PDB file of N, CA and C in Angstrom:
ATOM      1  N   UNK A   1       0.795  -1.272   0.028  1.00  0.00           N
ATOM      2  CA  UNK A   1      -0.135  -0.215   0.164  1.00  0.00           C
ATOM      3  C   UNK A   1       1.311   1.154   0.120  1.00  0.00           C
ATOM      4  N   UNK A   2       0.803   2.222  -0.999  1.00  0.00           N
ATOM      5  CA  UNK A   2       1.616   3.660  -0.842  1.00  0.00           C
ATOM      6  C   UNK A   2       1.156   4.145   0.397  1.00  0.00           C
ATOM      7  N   UNK A   3       2.362   4.952   0.605  1.00  0.00           N
ATOM      8  CA  UNK A   3       2.397   5.406   1.767  1.00  0.00           C
ATOM      9  C   UNK A   3       1.592   7.343   1.593  1.00  0.00           C
ATOM     10  N   UNK A   4       0.491   7.451   2.191  1.00  0.00           N
ATOM     11  CA  UNK A   4      -0.325   8.811   1.972  1.00  0.00           C
ATOM     12  C   UNK A   4       0.671   9.982   2.123  1.00  0.00           C
ATOM     13  N   UNK A   5       0.646  10.889   1.147  1.00  0.00           N
ATOM     14  CA  UNK A   5       1.622  11.978   1.982  1.00  0.00           C
ATOM     15  C   UNK A   5       0.847  13.316   2.061  1.00  0.00           C
ATOM     16  N   UNK A   6       1.304  14.132   2.693  1.00  0.00           N
ATOM     17  CA  UNK A   6       0.356  15.487   2.886  1.00  0.00           C
ATOM     18  C   UNK A   6       1.517  16.296   3.374  1.00  0.00           C
ATOM     19  N   UNK A   7       0.933  17.567   3.225  1.00  0.00           N
ATOM     20  CA  UNK A   7       1.361  18.708   3.598  1.00  0.00           C
ATOM     21  C   UNK A   7       0.736  19.665   4.412  1.00  0.00           C
ATOM     22  N   UNK A   8       1.597  20.954   5.006  1.00  0.00           N
ATOM     23  CA  UNK A   8       0.870  21.497   6.116  1.00  0.00           C
ATOM     24  C   UNK A   8       0.919  23.023   5.632  1.00  0.00           C
ATOM     25  N   UNK A   9      -0.347  23.768   5.887  1.00  0.00           N
ATOM     26  CA  UNK A   9      -0.253  25.019   5.736  1.00  0.00           C
ATOM     27  C   UNK A   9      -0.619  25.487   6.924  1.00  0.00           C
ATOM     28  N   UNK A  10      -0.216  26.818   7.098  1.00  0.00           N
ATOM     29  CA  UNK A  10      -1.045  27.785   8.108  1.00  0.00           C
ATOM     30  C   UNK A  10      -1.528  29.137   7.975  1.00  0.00           C
ATOM     31  N   UNK A  11      -2.534  29.213   8.550  1.00  0.00           N
ATOM     32  CA  UNK A  11      -3.092  30.692   8.327  1.00  0.00           C
ATOM     33  C   UNK A  11      -3.519  31.065   9.430  1.00  0.00           C
ATOM     34  N   UNK A  12      -3.266  32.550   9.836  1.00  0.00           N
ATOM     35  CA  UNK A  12      -3.636  33.549  10.881  1.00  0.00           C
ATOM     36  C   UNK A  12      -4.931  33.969  10.474  1.00  0.00           C
ATOM     37  N   UNK A  13      -5.742  34.217  11.354  1.00  0.00           N
ATOM     38  CA  UNK A  13      -6.993  34.765  11.203  1.00  0.00           C
ATOM     39  C   UNK A  13      -7.580  35.590  12.343  1.00  0.00           C
ATOM     40  N   UNK A  14      -8.285  36.469  12.094  1.00  0.00           N
ATOM     41  CA  UNK A  14      -9.055  37.405  13.616  1.00  0.00           C
ATOM     42  C   UNK A  14     -10.342  36.212  13.574  1.00  0.00           C
ATOM     43  N   UNK A  15     -10.527  36.313  14.925  1.00  0.00           N
ATOM     44  CA  UNK A  15     -11.778  35.270  15.599  1.00  0.00           C
ATOM     45  C   UNK A  15     -12.710  35.515  14.602  1.00  0.00           C
ATOM     46  N   UNK A  16     -13.213  36.585  14.180  1.00  0.00           N
ATOM     47  CA  UNK A  16     -14.159  36.637  13.534  1.00  0.00           C
ATOM     48  C   UNK A  16     -14.729  36.253  11.999  1.00  0.00           C
ATOM     49  N   UNK A  17     -13.245  36.169  11.606  1.00  0.00           N
ATOM     50  CA  UNK A  17     -12.858  35.474  10.167  1.00  0.00           C
ATOM     51  C   UNK A  17     -12.774  33.812  10.267  1.00  0.00           C
ATOM     52  N   UNK A  18     -12.601  33.522  11.423  1.00  0.00           N
ATOM     53  CA  UNK A  18     -12.383  31.923  11.381  1.00  0.00           C
ATOM     54  C   UNK A  18     -13.432  31.213  10.722  1.00  0.00           C
ATOM     55  N   UNK A  19     -14.733  31.306  11.012  1.00  0.00           N
ATOM     56  CA  UNK A  19     -15.421  30.317  10.523  1.00  0.00           C
ATOM     57  C   UNK A  19     -15.546  30.283   8.658  1.00  0.00           C
ATOM     58  N   UNK A  20     -15.786  31.662   8.440  1.00  0.00           N
ATOM     59  CA  UNK A  20     -15.557  31.486   6.978  1.00  0.00           C
ATOM     60  C   UNK A  20     -14.000  30.978   6.182  1.00  0.00           C
ATOM     61  N   UNK A  21     -12.874  31.328   6.611  1.00  0.00           N
ATOM     62  CA  UNK A  21     -11.852  30.692   6.468  1.00  0.00           C
ATOM     63  C   UNK A  21     -12.290  29.070   6.414  1.00  0.00           C
ATOM     64  N   UNK A  22     -12.500  28.324   7.163  1.00  0.00           N
ATOM     65  CA  UNK A  22     -12.345  27.042   7.944  1.00  0.00           C
ATOM     66  C   UNK A  22     -13.694  26.408   6.545  1.00  0.00           C
ATOM     67  N   UNK A  23     -14.847  27.551   6.130  1.00  0.00           N
ATOM     68  CA  UNK A  23     -15.819  26.608   5.267  1.00  0.00           C
ATOM     69  C   UNK A  23     -14.921  26.883   3.638  1.00  0.00           C
ATOM     70  N   UNK A  24     -14.161  28.020   3.693  1.00  0.00           N
ATOM     71  CA  UNK A  24     -13.680  27.959   2.356  1.00  0.00           C
ATOM     72  C   UNK A  24     -12.483  26.930   2.180  1.00  0.00           C
ATOM     73  N   UNK A  25     -11.528  26.526   3.086  1.00  0.00           N
ATOM     74  CA  UNK A  25     -10.859  25.689   3.103  1.00  0.00           C
ATOM     75  C   UNK A  25     -11.736  24.229   2.633  1.00  0.00           C
ATOM     76  N   UNK A  26     -12.758  24.221   3.419  1.00  0.00           N
ATOM     77  CA  UNK A  26     -13.202  22.833   3.333  1.00  0.00           C
ATOM     78  C   UNK A  26     -13.425  22.536   1.875  1.00  0.00           C
ATOM     79  N   UNK A  27     -14.020  23.631   1.115  1.00  0.00           N
ATOM     80  CA  UNK A  27     -14.641  23.887  -0.092  1.00  0.00           C
ATOM     81  C   UNK A  27     -13.790  23.155  -1.115  1.00  0.00           C
ATOM     82  N   UNK A  28     -12.326  23.667  -0.804  1.00  0.00           N
ATOM     83  CA  UNK A  28     -11.275  23.582  -1.785  1.00  0.00           C
ATOM     84  C   UNK A  28     -11.087  21.821  -1.817  1.00  0.00           C
ATOM     85  N   UNK A  29     -11.562  21.076  -1.135  1.00  0.00           N
ATOM     86  CA  UNK A  29     -11.278  19.664  -0.835  1.00  0.00           C
ATOM     87  C   UNK A  29      -9.825  19.527  -0.716  1.00  0.00           C
ATOM     88  N   UNK A  30      -9.467  17.886  -0.706  1.00  0.00           N
ATOM     89  CA  UNK A  30      -8.322  17.751  -0.828  1.00  0.00           C
ATOM     90  C   UNK A  30      -7.731  17.773   0.827  1.00  0.00           C
ATOM     91  N   UNK A  31      -8.552  17.961   1.908  1.00  0.00           N
ATOM     92  CA  UNK A  31      -8.298  18.117   3.305  1.00  0.00           C
ATOM     93  C   UNK A  31      -8.343  17.076   4.213  1.00  0.00           C
ATOM     94  N   UNK A  32      -6.842  16.664   4.730  1.00  0.00           N
ATOM     95  CA  UNK A  32      -7.170  15.642   5.759  1.00  0.00           C
ATOM     96  C   UNK A  32      -7.538  16.110   7.071  1.00  0.00           C
ATOM     97  N   UNK A  33      -7.151  17.438   7.629  1.00  0.00           N
ATOM     98  CA  UNK A  33      -7.244  17.481   8.758  1.00  0.00           C
ATOM     99  C   UNK A  33      -7.135  19.265   9.113  1.00  0.00           C
ATOM    100  N   UNK A  34      -8.114  19.515   9.838  1.00  0.00           N
ATOM    101  CA  UNK A  34      -7.771  21.196  10.439  1.00  0.00           C
ATOM    102  C   UNK A  34      -8.078  21.245  11.810  1.00  0.00           C
ATOM    103  N   UNK A  35      -6.880  21.787  12.012  1.00  0.00           N
ATOM    104  CA  UNK A  35      -6.554  22.385  13.413  1.00  0.00           C
ATOM    105  C   UNK A  35      -6.631  23.793  13.972  1.00  0.00           C
ATOM    106  N   UNK A  36      -7.262  24.106  14.746  1.00  0.00           N
ATOM    107  CA  UNK A  36      -7.507  25.608  15.269  1.00  0.00           C
ATOM    108  C   UNK A  36      -6.862  25.578  16.390  1.00  0.00           C
ATOM    109  N   UNK A  37      -5.711  26.974  16.529  1.00  0.00           N
ATOM    110  CA  UNK A  37      -4.953  26.853  17.596  1.00  0.00           C
ATOM    111  C   UNK A  37      -5.064  27.944  18.183  1.00  0.00           C
ATOM    112  N   UNK A  38      -5.126  28.735  19.634  1.00  0.00           N
ATOM    113  CA  UNK A  38      -5.357  30.289  19.985  1.00  0.00           C
ATOM    114  C   UNK A  38      -3.769  30.805  19.447  1.00  0.00           C
ATOM    115  N   UNK A  39      -4.012  32.169  20.256  1.00  0.00           N
ATOM    116  CA  UNK A  39      -2.967  32.929  19.859  1.00  0.00           C
ATOM    117  C   UNK A  39      -1.535  32.644  20.443  1.00  0.00           C
ATOM    118  N   UNK A  40      -1.508  31.513  21.715  1.00  0.00           N
ATOM    119  CA  UNK A  40      -0.555  30.986  22.401  1.00  0.00           C
ATOM    120  C   UNK A  40       0.096  29.566  21.769  1.00  0.00           C
ATOM    121  N   UNK A  41      -0.787  29.456  21.033  1.00  0.00           N
ATOM    122  CA  UNK A  41      -0.302  28.015  19.864  1.00  0.00           C
ATOM    123  C   UNK A  41      -0.454  26.750  20.365  1.00  0.00           C
ATOM    124  N   UNK A  42      -1.950  26.808  21.581  1.00  0.00           N
ATOM    125  CA  UNK A  42      -2.412  25.622  22.099  1.00  0.00           C
ATOM    126  C   UNK A  42      -3.633  25.139  21.225  1.00  0.00           C
ATOM    127  N   UNK A  43      -3.965  24.300  20.990  1.00  0.00           N
ATOM    128  CA  UNK A  43      -4.879  23.467  20.171  1.00  0.00           C
ATOM    129  C   UNK A  43      -6.179  23.418  20.730  1.00  0.00           C
ATOM    130  N   UNK A  44      -7.266  24.202  20.013  1.00  0.00           N
ATOM    131  CA  UNK A  44      -8.577  24.538  20.985  1.00  0.00           C
ATOM    132  C   UNK A  44      -9.530  23.475  20.382  1.00  0.00           C
ATOM    133  N   UNK A  45      -9.116  22.955  18.928  1.00  0.00           N
ATOM    134  CA  UNK A  45      -9.963  22.339  18.287  1.00  0.00           C
ATOM    135  C   UNK A  45      -9.213  21.500  16.981  1.00  0.00           C
ATOM    136  N   UNK A  46      -9.792  20.263  16.712  1.00  0.00           N
ATOM    137  CA  UNK A  46      -9.171  19.657  15.716  1.00  0.00           C
ATOM    138  C   UNK A  46     -10.337  18.875  14.899  1.00  0.00           C
ATOM    139  N   UNK A  47     -10.315  18.916  13.358  1.00  0.00           N
ATOM    140  CA  UNK A  47     -11.446  18.099  13.182  1.00  0.00           C
ATOM    141  C   UNK A  47     -10.555  17.209  11.797  1.00  0.00           C
ATOM    142  N   UNK A  48     -10.926  16.286  12.123  1.00  0.00           N
ATOM    143  CA  UNK A  48     -10.683  15.318  11.086  1.00  0.00           C
ATOM    144  C   UNK A  48     -11.272  15.181   9.832  1.00  0.00           C
ATOM    145  N   UNK A  49     -11.006  15.332   8.528  1.00  0.00           N
ATOM    146  CA  UNK A  49     -12.035  15.215   7.618  1.00  0.00           C
ATOM    147  C   UNK A  49     -11.793  14.054   6.431  1.00  0.00           C
ATOM    148  N   UNK A  50     -12.501  13.171   6.649  1.00  0.00           N
ATOM    149  CA  UNK A  50     -12.299  12.064   5.595  1.00  0.00           C
ATOM    150  C   UNK A  50     -12.981  12.290   4.381  1.00  0.00           C
ATOM    151  N   UNK A  51     -12.455  11.658   3.323  1.00  0.00           N
ATOM    152  CA  UNK A  51     -12.850  11.920   1.952  1.00  0.00           C
ATOM    153  C   UNK A  51     -14.470  12.078   2.021  1.00  0.00           C
ATOM    154  N   UNK A  52     -15.005  12.891   1.370  1.00  0.00           N
ATOM    155  CA  UNK A  52     -16.432  13.006   1.224  1.00  0.00           C
ATOM    156  C   UNK A  52     -17.602  13.288   2.426  1.00  0.00           C
ATOM    157  N   UNK A  53     -16.501  14.015   3.601  1.00  0.00           N
ATOM    158  CA  UNK A  53     -17.499  14.508   4.548  1.00  0.00           C
ATOM    159  C   UNK A  53     -17.664  15.670   4.709  1.00  0.00           C
ATOM    160  N   UNK A  54     -19.089  16.254   4.197  1.00  0.00           N
ATOM    161  CA  UNK A  54     -19.457  17.471   3.802  1.00  0.00           C
ATOM    162  C   UNK A  54     -20.951  17.586   4.149  1.00  0.00           C
ATOM    163  N   UNK A  55     -21.488  18.924   4.128  1.00  0.00           N
ATOM    164  CA  UNK A  55     -22.661  19.099   4.340  1.00  0.00           C
ATOM    165  C   UNK A  55     -23.160  18.985   5.766  1.00  0.00           C
ATOM    166  N   UNK A  56     -24.077  18.145   6.183  1.00  0.00           N
ATOM    167  CA  UNK A  56     -24.861  17.616   7.238  1.00  0.00           C
ATOM    168  C   UNK A  56     -23.566  17.184   8.039  1.00  0.00           C
ATOM    169  N   UNK A  57     -22.936  16.381   7.604  1.00  0.00           N
ATOM    170  CA  UNK A  57     -21.849  15.727   8.677  1.00  0.00           C
ATOM    171  C   UNK A  57     -20.862  16.642   9.146  1.00  0.00           C
ATOM    172  N   UNK A  58     -20.702  17.930   8.593  1.00  0.00           N
ATOM    173  CA  UNK A  58     -19.536  18.744   9.042  1.00  0.00           C
ATOM    174  C   UNK A  58     -20.594  20.031  10.139  1.00  0.00           C
ATOM    175  N   UNK A  59     -21.617  19.983   9.812  1.00  0.00           N
ATOM    176  CA  UNK A  59     -22.530  20.804  10.628  1.00  0.00           C
ATOM    177  C   UNK A  59     -22.113  21.192  12.306  1.00  0.00           C
ATOM    178  N   UNK A  60     -22.386  20.174  13.033  1.00  0.00           N
ATOM    179  CA  UNK A  60     -21.898  20.208  14.008  1.00  0.00           C
ATOM    180  C   UNK A  60     -20.889  20.836  14.494  1.00  0.00           C
ATOM    181  N   UNK A  61     -19.754  20.592  14.013  1.00  0.00           N
ATOM    182  CA  UNK A  61     -18.557  20.963  13.998  1.00  0.00           C
ATOM    183  C   UNK A  61     -18.126  22.316  13.697  1.00  0.00           C
ATOM    184  N   UNK A  62     -18.866  22.698  12.580  1.00  0.00           N
ATOM    185  CA  UNK A  62     -18.825  23.822  12.046  1.00  0.00           C
ATOM    186  C   UNK A  62     -19.810  25.166  12.987  1.00  0.00           C
ATOM    187  N   UNK A  63     -20.940  24.214  13.886  1.00  0.00           N
ATOM    188  CA  UNK A  63     -21.453  25.307  14.946  1.00  0.00           C
ATOM    189  C   UNK A  63     -20.683  25.437  16.109  1.00  0.00           C
ATOM    190  N   UNK A  64     -19.483  24.351  16.383  1.00  0.00           N
ATOM    191  CA  UNK A  64     -18.487  24.409  17.219  1.00  0.00           C
ATOM    192  C   UNK A  64     -17.313  25.335  16.994  1.00  0.00           C
ATOM    193  N   UNK A  65     -17.207  25.686  16.054  1.00  0.00           N
ATOM    194  CA  UNK A  65     -16.082  26.658  15.390  1.00  0.00           C
ATOM    195  C   UNK A  65     -16.653  27.919  15.659  1.00  0.00           C
ATOM    196  N   UNK A  66     -18.009  28.407  15.157  1.00  0.00           N
ATOM    197  CA  UNK A  66     -18.876  29.497  15.297  1.00  0.00           C
ATOM    198  C   UNK A  66     -18.407  29.919  16.958  1.00  0.00           C
ATOM    199  N   UNK A  67     -18.902  28.849  18.064  1.00  0.00           N
ATOM    200  CA  UNK A  67     -18.541  29.473  18.914  1.00  0.00           C
ATOM    201  C   UNK A  67     -17.455  29.750  19.670  1.00  0.00           C
ATOM    202  N   UNK A  68     -16.239  29.009  19.314  1.00  0.00           N
ATOM    203  CA  UNK A  68     -14.782  29.100  19.554  1.00  0.00           C
ATOM    204  C   UNK A  68     -14.464  30.477  18.936  1.00  0.00           C
ATOM    205  N   UNK A  69     -14.912  31.083  17.784  1.00  0.00           N
ATOM    206  CA  UNK A  69     -14.392  31.952  17.242  1.00  0.00           C
ATOM    207  C   UNK A  69     -14.845  33.084  17.628  1.00  0.00           C
ATOM    208  N   UNK A  70     -16.116  33.226  18.510  1.00  0.00           N
ATOM    209  CA  UNK A  70     -16.456  34.331  19.688  1.00  0.00           C
ATOM    210  C   UNK A  70     -15.925  34.451  20.862  1.00  0.00           C
ATOM    211  N   UNK A  71     -15.108  33.156  21.056  1.00  0.00           N
ATOM    212  CA  UNK A  71     -14.066  33.812  22.254  1.00  0.00           C
ATOM    213  C   UNK A  71     -12.364  34.091  21.857  1.00  0.00           C
ATOM    214  N   UNK A  72     -12.312  33.991  20.561  1.00  0.00           N
ATOM    215  CA  UNK A  72     -10.828  33.921  20.359  1.00  0.00           C
ATOM    216  C   UNK A  72     -10.943  35.287  19.396  1.00  0.00           C
ATOM    217  N   UNK A  73      -9.665  36.251  19.794  1.00  0.00           N
ATOM    218  CA  UNK A  73      -9.504  37.384  19.126  1.00  0.00           C
ATOM    219  C   UNK A  73      -8.314  37.250  17.773  1.00  0.00           C
ATOM    220  N   UNK A  74      -7.677  36.052  18.120  1.00  0.00           N
ATOM    221  CA  UNK A  74      -6.748  35.801  16.793  1.00  0.00           C
ATOM    222  C   UNK A  74      -6.520  34.556  17.252  1.00  0.00           C
ATOM    223  N   UNK A  75      -6.734  33.669  15.962  1.00  0.00           N
ATOM    224  CA  UNK A  75      -6.252  32.156  15.860  1.00  0.00           C
ATOM    225  C   UNK A  75      -5.417  31.730  14.708  1.00  0.00           C
ATOM    226  N   UNK A  76      -4.665  30.572  14.653  1.00  0.00           N
ATOM    227  CA  UNK A  76      -4.434  29.836  13.907  1.00  0.00           C
ATOM    228  C   UNK A  76      -4.740  28.618  13.264  1.00  0.00           C
ATOM    229  N   UNK A  77      -5.035  28.526  11.866  1.00  0.00           N
ATOM    230  CA  UNK A  77      -5.585  27.756  11.363  1.00  0.00           C
ATOM    231  C   UNK A  77      -4.611  26.518  10.913  1.00  0.00           C
ATOM    232  N   UNK A  78      -4.364  25.272  11.118  1.00  0.00           N
ATOM    233  CA  UNK A  78      -3.738  24.430  10.829  1.00  0.00           C
ATOM    234  C   UNK A  78      -4.054  23.764   9.767  1.00  0.00           C
ATOM    235  N   UNK A  79      -3.562  23.515   8.574  1.00  0.00           N
ATOM    236  CA  UNK A  79      -4.861  22.326   7.506  1.00  0.00           C
ATOM    237  C   UNK A  79      -3.605  21.496   6.980  1.00  0.00           C
ATOM    238  N   UNK A  80      -3.824  20.477   7.392  1.00  0.00           N
ATOM    239  CA  UNK A  80      -3.043  19.474   6.711  1.00  0.00           C
ATOM    240  C   UNK A  80      -3.862  18.746   5.215  1.00  0.00           C
ATOM    241  N   UNK A  81      -3.057  19.105   4.022  1.00  0.00           N
ATOM    242  CA  UNK A  81      -3.580  18.757   2.805  1.00  0.00           C
ATOM    243  C   UNK A  81      -3.066  17.792   2.097  1.00  0.00           C
ATOM    244  N   UNK A  82      -3.595  16.424   1.374  1.00  0.00           N
ATOM    245  CA  UNK A  82      -3.307  15.576   0.589  1.00  0.00           C
ATOM    246  C   UNK A  82      -2.500  16.011  -0.456  1.00  0.00           C
ATOM    247  N   UNK A  83      -1.539  15.243  -0.718  1.00  0.00           N
ATOM    248  CA  UNK A  83      -0.608  15.688  -2.008  1.00  0.00           C
ATOM    249  C   UNK A  83      -1.264  15.093  -3.169  1.00  0.00           C
TER     250      UNK A  83
END
């Protein structure tokens, strides 16, 4: 079985931009995982995304991200993408 390769990208966003950024990244596709960190670099939320997870299946996580965004003034979004 071939080894799966992925790359990591990081984005700094304001709390109010967080949900929009996550939604846009998910729409792009080929994402394995999204990690949200606070301004101190602590992981506050992690979403593993398997192929085909969209729509209603991701809605509860997006609601949680909306609540987290209200508490964060600044966040770092770490995205693992398939090569």
